[in-house]
Amino acid sequence: MRNRKVQRELHRMGVRRMTNEEKIELRDKCGMKDPTPYEAVKHMVQEQERINERIARAAIAAREKKTMAAAV
């Protein structure tokens, strides 16, 4: 389960799912199903989302560590 505080922080930083991207067709120009490019692009997008989320989480952790050090 995700932490609500982290979720809000990620939202503020702009890490969200890209819902307005154009998707690749599942069928080729002849009308035959060809899932290979579709699945490859889908995998690349998912991987990029994971990377962006990791970067955002690292930034949040660094900021929290900095505030904790300042409080002590």
Protein backbone atom coordinates (compact mmCIF):
# COMPACT_ATOMS: atom_id res chain seq x y z
CA MET A 1 0.00 0.00 0.00
CA ARG A 2 1.31 3.43 -0.87
CA ASN A 3 2.00 6.10 1.67
CA ARG A 4 -0.41 9.03 1.25
CA LYS A 5 2.28 11.60 2.07
CA VAL A 6 4.59 10.19 -0.62
CA GLN A 7 1.70 10.04 -3.07
CA ARG A 8 0.90 13.75 -2.56
CA GLU A 9 4.58 14.67 -2.87
CA LEU A 10 4.89 12.74 -6.15
CA HIS A 11 1.77 14.48 -7.42
CA ARG A 12 3.23 17.89 -6.57
CA MET A 13 6.45 17.01 -8.39
CA GLY A 14 4.51 16.12 -11.52
CA VAL A 15 5.01 12.35 -11.52
CA ARG A 16 1.77 11.04 -12.98
CA ARG A 17 0.67 8.61 -15.58
CA MET A 18 0.69 10.03 -19.06
CA THR A 19 -2.85 9.33 -20.25
CA ASN A 20 -2.80 11.54 -23.31
CA GLU A 21 -0.03 9.77 -25.21
CA GLU A 22 -0.87 8.32 -28.59
CA LYS A 23 -0.80 4.53 -28.52
CA ILE A 24 0.70 2.29 -31.18
CA GLU A 25 -1.72 0.19 -33.20
CA LEU A 26 -1.97 -3.46 -32.25
CA ARG A 27 -2.44 -4.36 -35.92
CA ASP A 28 -0.01 -3.80 -38.78
CA LYS A 29 -0.88 -2.07 -42.07
CA CYS A 30 -2.26 -5.31 -43.53
CA GLY A 31 -4.68 -5.75 -40.62
CA MET A 32 -2.87 -8.69 -39.03
CA LYS A 33 -2.27 -8.62 -35.29
CA ASP A 34 1.37 -7.85 -34.51
CA PRO A 35 1.76 -7.29 -30.76
CA THR A 36 5.57 -7.09 -30.78
CA PRO A 37 6.01 -3.31 -31.34
CA TYR A 38 2.94 -2.55 -29.21
CA GLU A 39 4.29 -4.56 -26.27
CA ALA A 40 7.80 -3.15 -26.71
CA VAL A 41 6.61 0.46 -26.54
CA LYS A 42 4.29 -0.34 -23.65
CA HIS A 43 7.24 -1.85 -21.78
CA MET A 44 9.44 1.20 -22.49
CA VAL A 45 6.75 3.57 -21.19
CA GLN A 46 6.28 1.51 -18.02
CA GLU A 47 10.04 1.41 -17.45
CA GLN A 48 10.31 5.19 -17.87
CA GLU A 49 7.48 5.70 -15.37
CA ARG A 50 9.30 3.50 -12.85
CA ILE A 51 12.54 5.45 -13.35
CA ASN A 52 10.75 8.80 -12.91
CA GLU A 53 9.08 7.56 -9.73
CA ARG A 54 12.43 6.34 -8.31
CA ILE A 55 14.01 9.73 -9.01
CA ALA A 56 11.11 11.53 -7.35
CA ARG A 57 11.22 9.23 -4.31
CA ALA A 58 14.98 9.83 -3.97
CA ALA A 59 14.39 13.58 -4.05
CA ILE A 60 11.71 13.27 -1.36
CA ALA A 61 13.99 11.13 0.82
CA ALA A 62 16.85 13.61 0.43
CA ARG A 63 14.58 16.50 1.36
CA GLU A 64 13.24 14.65 4.42
CA LYS A 65 16.78 13.74 5.50
CA LYS A 66 17.80 17.39 5.16
CA THR A 67 14.85 18.59 7.28
CA MET A 68 15.51 15.91 9.91
CA ALA A 69 19.16 16.99 10.14
CA ALA A 70 18.12 20.64 10.47
CA ALA A 71 15.65 19.77 13.24
CA VAL A 72 18.33 18.05 15.34
